[in-house]
Amino acid sequence: GSLRLSCAASGRTFSNPAMGWFRQA
């Protein structure tokens, strides 16, 4: 199956940011 995860950023964001996803079992 499938899922879609979402991450909403707020506050003082970077001008040229990188974003990423990690996981931990």
PDB file of all heavy atoms in Angstrom:
ATOM      1  N   GLY A   1       0.800  -1.205   0.000  1.00  0.00           N
ATOM      2  CA  GLY A   1       0.000   0.000   0.000  1.00  0.00           C
ATOM      3  C   GLY A   1       0.836   1.259   0.000  1.00  0.00           C
ATOM      4  O   GLY A   1       2.070   1.226  -0.115  1.00  0.00           O
ATOM      5  N   SER A   2       0.156   2.396   0.151  1.00  0.00           N
ATOM      6  CA  SER A   2       0.802   3.702   0.054  1.00  0.00           C
ATOM      7  C   SER A   2       0.330   4.621   1.166  1.00  0.00           C
ATOM      8  O   SER A   2      -0.775   4.476   1.699  1.00  0.00           O
ATOM      9  CB  SER A   2       0.495   4.358  -1.294  1.00  0.00           C
ATOM     10  OG  SER A   2       0.946   3.577  -2.378  1.00  0.00           O
ATOM     11  N   LEU A   3       1.178   5.576   1.511  1.00  0.00           N
ATOM     12  CA  LEU A   3       0.859   6.649   2.431  1.00  0.00           C
ATOM     13  C   LEU A   3       1.519   7.926   1.936  1.00  0.00           C
ATOM     14  O   LEU A   3       2.508   7.874   1.206  1.00  0.00           O
ATOM     15  CB  LEU A   3       1.355   6.353   3.845  1.00  0.00           C
ATOM     16  CG  LEU A   3       0.634   5.308   4.683  1.00  0.00           C
ATOM     17  CD1 LEU A   3       1.425   5.040   5.961  1.00  0.00           C
ATOM     18  CD2 LEU A   3      -0.769   5.771   5.025  1.00  0.00           C
ATOM     19  N   ARG A   4       0.984   9.066   2.349  1.00  0.00           N
ATOM     20  CA  ARG A   4       1.637  10.344   2.128  1.00  0.00           C
ATOM     21  C   ARG A   4       1.824  11.046   3.453  1.00  0.00           C
ATOM     22  O   ARG A   4       0.852  11.345   4.152  1.00  0.00           O
ATOM     23  CB  ARG A   4       0.849  11.235   1.170  1.00  0.00           C
ATOM     24  CG  ARG A   4       1.618  12.496   0.786  1.00  0.00           C
ATOM     25  CD  ARG A   4       0.846  13.438  -0.110  1.00  0.00           C
ATOM     26  NE  ARG A   4      -0.184  14.177   0.621  1.00  0.00           N
ATOM     27  CZ  ARG A   4      -0.827  15.224   0.139  1.00  0.00           C
ATOM     28  NH1 ARG A   4      -0.575  15.657  -1.092  1.00  0.00           N
ATOM     29  NH2 ARG A   4      -1.755  15.826   0.867  1.00  0.00           N
ATOM     30  N   LEU A   5       3.073  11.318   3.799  1.00  0.00           N
ATOM     31  CA  LEU A   5       3.404  12.060   4.991  1.00  0.00           C
ATOM     32  C   LEU A   5       3.574  13.532   4.647  1.00  0.00           C
ATOM     33  O   LEU A   5       4.042  13.882   3.560  1.00  0.00           O
ATOM     34  CB  LEU A   5       4.690  11.531   5.624  1.00  0.00           C
ATOM     35  CG  LEU A   5       4.759  10.021   5.887  1.00  0.00           C
ATOM     36  CD1 LEU A   5       6.067   9.678   6.582  1.00  0.00           C
ATOM     37  CD2 LEU A   5       3.568   9.561   6.706  1.00  0.00           C
ATOM     38  N   SER A   6       3.215  14.393   5.584  1.00  0.00           N
ATOM     39  CA  SER A   6       3.312  15.828   5.389  1.00  0.00           C
ATOM     40  C   SER A   6       4.067  16.451   6.550  1.00  0.00           C
ATOM     41  O   SER A   6       3.916  16.024   7.699  1.00  0.00           O
ATOM     42  CB  SER A   6       1.920  16.444   5.278  1.00  0.00           C
ATOM     43  OG  SER A   6       1.986  17.843   5.145  1.00  0.00           O
ATOM     44  N   CYS A   7       4.885  17.453   6.251  1.00  0.00           N
ATOM     45  CA  CYS A   7       5.620  18.202   7.265  1.00  0.00           C
ATOM     46  C   CYS A   7       5.405  19.682   7.004  1.00  0.00           C
ATOM     47  O   CYS A   7       5.847  20.204   5.968  1.00  0.00           O
ATOM     48  CB  CYS A   7       7.100  17.854   7.224  1.00  0.00           C
ATOM     49  SG  CYS A   7       8.112  18.779   8.397  1.00  0.00           S
ATOM     50  N   ALA A   8       4.735  20.361   7.926  1.00  0.00           N
ATOM     51  CA  ALA A   8       4.454  21.780   7.801  1.00  0.00           C
ATOM     52  C   ALA A   8       5.482  22.578   8.587  1.00  0.00           C
ATOM     53  O   ALA A   8       5.670  22.342   9.787  1.00  0.00           O
ATOM     54  CB  ALA A   8       3.051  22.088   8.294  1.00  0.00           C
ATOM     55  N   ALA A   9       6.134  23.523   7.915  1.00  0.00           N
ATOM     56  CA  ALA A   9       7.153  24.364   8.528  1.00  0.00           C
ATOM     57  C   ALA A   9       6.574  25.731   8.864  1.00  0.00           C
ATOM     58  O   ALA A   9       5.849  26.325   8.068  1.00  0.00           O
ATOM     59  CB  ALA A   9       8.354  24.518   7.599  1.00  0.00           C
ATOM     60  N   SER A  10       6.921  26.241  10.043  1.00  0.00           N
ATOM     61  CA  SER A  10       6.485  27.567  10.451  1.00  0.00           C
ATOM     62  C   SER A  10       7.600  28.245  11.228  1.00  0.00           C
ATOM     63  O   SER A  10       8.588  27.615  11.600  1.00  0.00           O
ATOM     64  CB  SER A  10       5.213  27.495  11.290  1.00  0.00           C
ATOM     65  OG  SER A  10       5.430  26.758  12.483  1.00  0.00           O
ATOM     66  N   GLY A  11       7.437  29.539  11.474  1.00  0.00           N
ATOM     67  CA  GLY A  11       8.448  30.309  12.161  1.00  0.00           C
ATOM     68  C   GLY A  11       9.425  30.943  11.182  1.00  0.00           C
ATOM     69  O   GLY A  11       9.089  31.211  10.030  1.00  0.00           O
ATOM     70  N   ARG A  12      10.634  31.164  11.647  1.00  0.00           N
ATOM     71  CA  ARG A  12      11.665  31.829  10.842  1.00  0.00           C
ATOM     72  C   ARG A  12      12.375  30.800   9.972  1.00  0.00           C
ATOM     73  O   ARG A  12      13.373  30.195  10.386  1.00  0.00           O
ATOM     74  CB  ARG A  12      12.651  32.557  11.746  1.00  0.00           C
ATOM     75  CG  ARG A  12      13.612  33.472  11.011  1.00  0.00           C
ATOM     76  CD  ARG A  12      14.444  34.283  11.989  1.00  0.00           C
ATOM     77  NE  ARG A  12      15.345  35.194  11.308  1.00  0.00           N
ATOM     78  CZ  ARG A  12      16.585  34.900  10.949  1.00  0.00           C
ATOM     79  NH1 ARG A  12      17.076  33.705  11.211  1.00  0.00           N
ATOM     80  NH2 ARG A  12      17.337  35.802  10.333  1.00  0.00           N
ATOM     81  N   THR A  13      11.868  30.618   8.776  1.00  0.00           N
ATOM     82  CA  THR A  13      12.430  29.631   7.866  1.00  0.00           C
ATOM     83  C   THR A  13      13.682  30.156   7.187  1.00  0.00           C
ATOM     84  O   THR A  13      13.907  31.358   7.077  1.00  0.00           O
ATOM     85  CB  THR A  13      11.395  29.218   6.814  1.00  0.00           C
ATOM     86  OG1 THR A  13      10.943  30.375   6.101  1.00  0.00           O
ATOM     87  CG2 THR A  13      10.198  28.547   7.474  1.00  0.00           C
ATOM     88  N   PHE A  14      14.509  29.240   6.717  1.00  0.00           N
ATOM     89  CA  PHE A  14      15.719  29.598   5.983  1.00  0.00           C
ATOM     90  C   PHE A  14      15.371  30.078   4.582  1.00  0.00           C
ATOM     91  O   PHE A  14      14.352  29.691   4.008  1.00  0.00           O
ATOM     92  CB  PHE A  14      16.659  28.398   5.892  1.00  0.00           C
ATOM     93  CG  PHE A  14      17.065  27.844   7.221  1.00  0.00           C
ATOM     94  CD1 PHE A  14      16.772  26.530   7.551  1.00  0.00           C
ATOM     95  CD2 PHE A  14      17.749  28.622   8.138  1.00  0.00           C
ATOM     96  CE1 PHE A  14      17.151  26.008   8.772  1.00  0.00           C
ATOM     97  CE2 PHE A  14      18.131  28.119   9.362  1.00  0.00           C
ATOM     98  CZ  PHE A  14      17.832  26.802   9.679  1.00  0.00           C
ATOM     99  N   SER A  15      16.235  30.908   3.993  1.00  0.00           N
ATOM    100  CA  SER A  15      15.998  31.417   2.655  1.00  0.00           C
ATOM    101  C   SER A  15      16.206  30.353   1.589  1.00  0.00           C
ATOM    102  O   SER A  15      15.486  30.325   0.584  1.00  0.00           O
ATOM    103  CB  SER A  15      16.890  32.628   2.375  1.00  0.00           C
ATOM    104  OG  SER A  15      18.260  32.292   2.506  1.00  0.00           O
ATOM    105  N   ASN A  16      17.179  29.498   1.782  1.00  0.00           N
ATOM    106  CA  ASN A  16      17.489  28.438   0.829  1.00  0.00           C
ATOM    107  C   ASN A  16      17.654  27.114   1.574  1.00  0.00           C
ATOM    108  O   ASN A  16      18.744  26.546   1.614  1.00  0.00           O
ATOM    109  CB  ASN A  16      18.751  28.760   0.031  1.00  0.00           C
ATOM    110  CG  ASN A  16      18.655  30.056  -0.732  1.00  0.00           C
ATOM    111  OD1 ASN A  16      19.264  31.054  -0.355  1.00  0.00           O
ATOM    112  ND2 ASN A  16      17.870  30.053  -1.799  1.00  0.00           N
ATOM    113  N   PRO A  17      16.576  26.626   2.157  1.00  0.00           N
ATOM    114  CA  PRO A  17      16.709  25.465   3.036  1.00  0.00           C
ATOM    115  C   PRO A  17      16.809  24.144   2.282  1.00  0.00           C
ATOM    116  O   PRO A  17      16.440  24.037   1.112  1.00  0.00           O
ATOM    117  CB  PRO A  17      15.416  25.510   3.848  1.00  0.00           C
ATOM    118  CG  PRO A  17      14.420  26.081   2.886  1.00  0.00           C
ATOM    119  CD  PRO A  17      15.188  27.112   2.094  1.00  0.00           C
ATOM    120  N   ALA A  18      17.331  23.175   2.977  1.00  0.00           N
ATOM    121  CA  ALA A  18      17.176  21.787   2.594  1.00  0.00           C
ATOM    122  C   ALA A  18      16.232  21.135   3.596  1.00  0.00           C
ATOM    123  O   ALA A  18      16.264  21.449   4.788  1.00  0.00           O
ATOM    124  CB  ALA A  18      18.525  21.071   2.573  1.00  0.00           C
ATOM    125  N   MET A  19      15.412  20.246   3.106  1.00  0.00           N
ATOM    126  CA  MET A  19      14.519  19.482   3.950  1.00  0.00           C
ATOM    127  C   MET A  19      14.787  18.003   3.748  1.00  0.00           C
ATOM    128  O   MET A  19      15.248  17.588   2.679  1.00  0.00           O
ATOM    129  CB  MET A  19      13.055  19.798   3.636  1.00  0.00           C
ATOM    130  CG  MET A  19      12.680  21.255   3.817  1.00  0.00           C
ATOM    131  SD  MET A  19      12.677  21.771   5.561  1.00  0.00           S
ATOM    132  CE  MET A  19      11.291  20.813   6.186  1.00  0.00           C
ATOM    133  N   GLY A  20      14.499  17.232   4.754  1.00  0.00           N
ATOM    134  CA  GLY A  20      14.743  15.806   4.652  1.00  0.00           C
ATOM    135  C   GLY A  20      13.816  14.989   5.513  1.00  0.00           C
ATOM    136  O   GLY A  20      13.075  15.520   6.348  1.00  0.00           O
ATOM    137  N   TRP A  21      13.857  13.700   5.266  1.00  0.00           N
ATOM    138  CA  TRP A  21      13.108  12.727   6.062  1.00  0.00           C
ATOM    139  C   TRP A  21      14.062  11.655   6.574  1.00  0.00           C
ATOM    140  O   TRP A  21      14.930  11.175   5.830  1.00  0.00           O
ATOM    141  CB  TRP A  21      11.999  12.068   5.246  1.00  0.00           C
ATOM    142  CG  TRP A  21      10.843  12.964   4.945  1.00  0.00           C
ATOM    143  CD1 TRP A  21      10.684  13.762   3.858  1.00  0.00           C
ATOM    144  CD2 TRP A  21       9.674  13.136   5.747  1.00  0.00           C
ATOM    145  NE1 TRP A  21       9.492  14.429   3.924  1.00  0.00           N
ATOM    146  CE2 TRP A  21       8.845  14.064   5.072  1.00  0.00           C
ATOM    147  CE3 TRP A  21       9.241  12.602   6.964  1.00  0.00           C
ATOM    148  CZ2 TRP A  21       7.609  14.467   5.583  1.00  0.00           C
ATOM    149  CZ3 TRP A  21       8.017  13.006   7.472  1.00  0.00           C
ATOM    150  CH2 TRP A  21       7.217  13.922   6.781  1.00  0.00           C
ATOM    151  N   PHE A  22      13.900  11.315   7.832  1.00  0.00           N
ATOM    152  CA  PHE A  22      14.592  10.205   8.460  1.00  0.00           C
ATOM    153  C   PHE A  22      13.560   9.249   9.036  1.00  0.00           C
ATOM    154  O   PHE A  22      12.383   9.587   9.179  1.00  0.00           O
ATOM    155  CB  PHE A  22      15.521  10.691   9.576  1.00  0.00           C
ATOM    156  CG  PHE A  22      16.758  11.399   9.098  1.00  0.00           C
ATOM    157  CD1 PHE A  22      16.696  12.684   8.590  1.00  0.00           C
ATOM    158  CD2 PHE A  22      18.001  10.776   9.178  1.00  0.00           C
ATOM    159  CE1 PHE A  22      17.835  13.343   8.160  1.00  0.00           C
ATOM    160  CE2 PHE A  22      19.149  11.427   8.758  1.00  0.00           C
ATOM    161  CZ  PHE A  22      19.071  12.712   8.244  1.00  0.00           C
ATOM    162  N   ARG A  23      14.001   8.053   9.387  1.00  0.00           N
ATOM    163  CA  ARG A  23      13.121   7.124  10.073  1.00  0.00           C
ATOM    164  C   ARG A  23      13.916   6.358  11.117  1.00  0.00           C
ATOM    165  O   ARG A  23      15.134   6.201  11.010  1.00  0.00           O
ATOM    166  CB  ARG A  23      12.448   6.154   9.097  1.00  0.00           C
ATOM    167  CG  ARG A  23      13.394   5.189   8.401  1.00  0.00           C
ATOM    168  CD  ARG A  23      12.637   4.385   7.343  1.00  0.00           C
ATOM    169  NE  ARG A  23      13.493   3.407   6.692  1.00  0.00           N
ATOM    170  CZ  ARG A  23      13.117   2.653   5.667  1.00  0.00           C
ATOM    171  NH1 ARG A  23      11.877   2.772   5.179  1.00  0.00           N
ATOM    172  NH2 ARG A  23      13.958   1.784   5.127  1.00  0.00           N
ATOM    173  N   GLN A  24      13.212   5.882  12.123  1.00  0.00           N
ATOM    174  CA  GLN A  24      13.842   5.136  13.193  1.00  0.00           C
ATOM    175  C   GLN A  24      12.918   4.011  13.636  1.00  0.00           C
ATOM    176  O   GLN A  24      11.808   4.257  14.107  1.00  0.00           O
ATOM    177  CB  GLN A  24      14.178   6.042  14.378  1.00  0.00           C
ATOM    178  CG  GLN A  24      15.027   5.371  15.442  1.00  0.00           C
ATOM    179  CD  GLN A  24      15.643   6.366  16.403  1.00  0.00           C
ATOM    180  OE1 GLN A  24      15.141   7.488  16.570  1.00  0.00           O
ATOM    181  NE2 GLN A  24      16.735   5.976  17.033  1.00  0.00           N
ATOM    182  N   ALA A  25      13.382   2.792  13.460  1.00  0.00           N
ATOM    183  CA  ALA A  25      12.660   1.614  13.909  1.00  0.00           C
ATOM    184  C   ALA A  25      13.085   1.273  15.332  1.00  0.00           C
ATOM    185  O   ALA A  25      14.159   1.676  15.783  1.00  0.00           O
ATOM    186  CB  ALA A  25      12.929   0.438  12.973  1.00  0.00           C
TER     187      ALA A  25
END
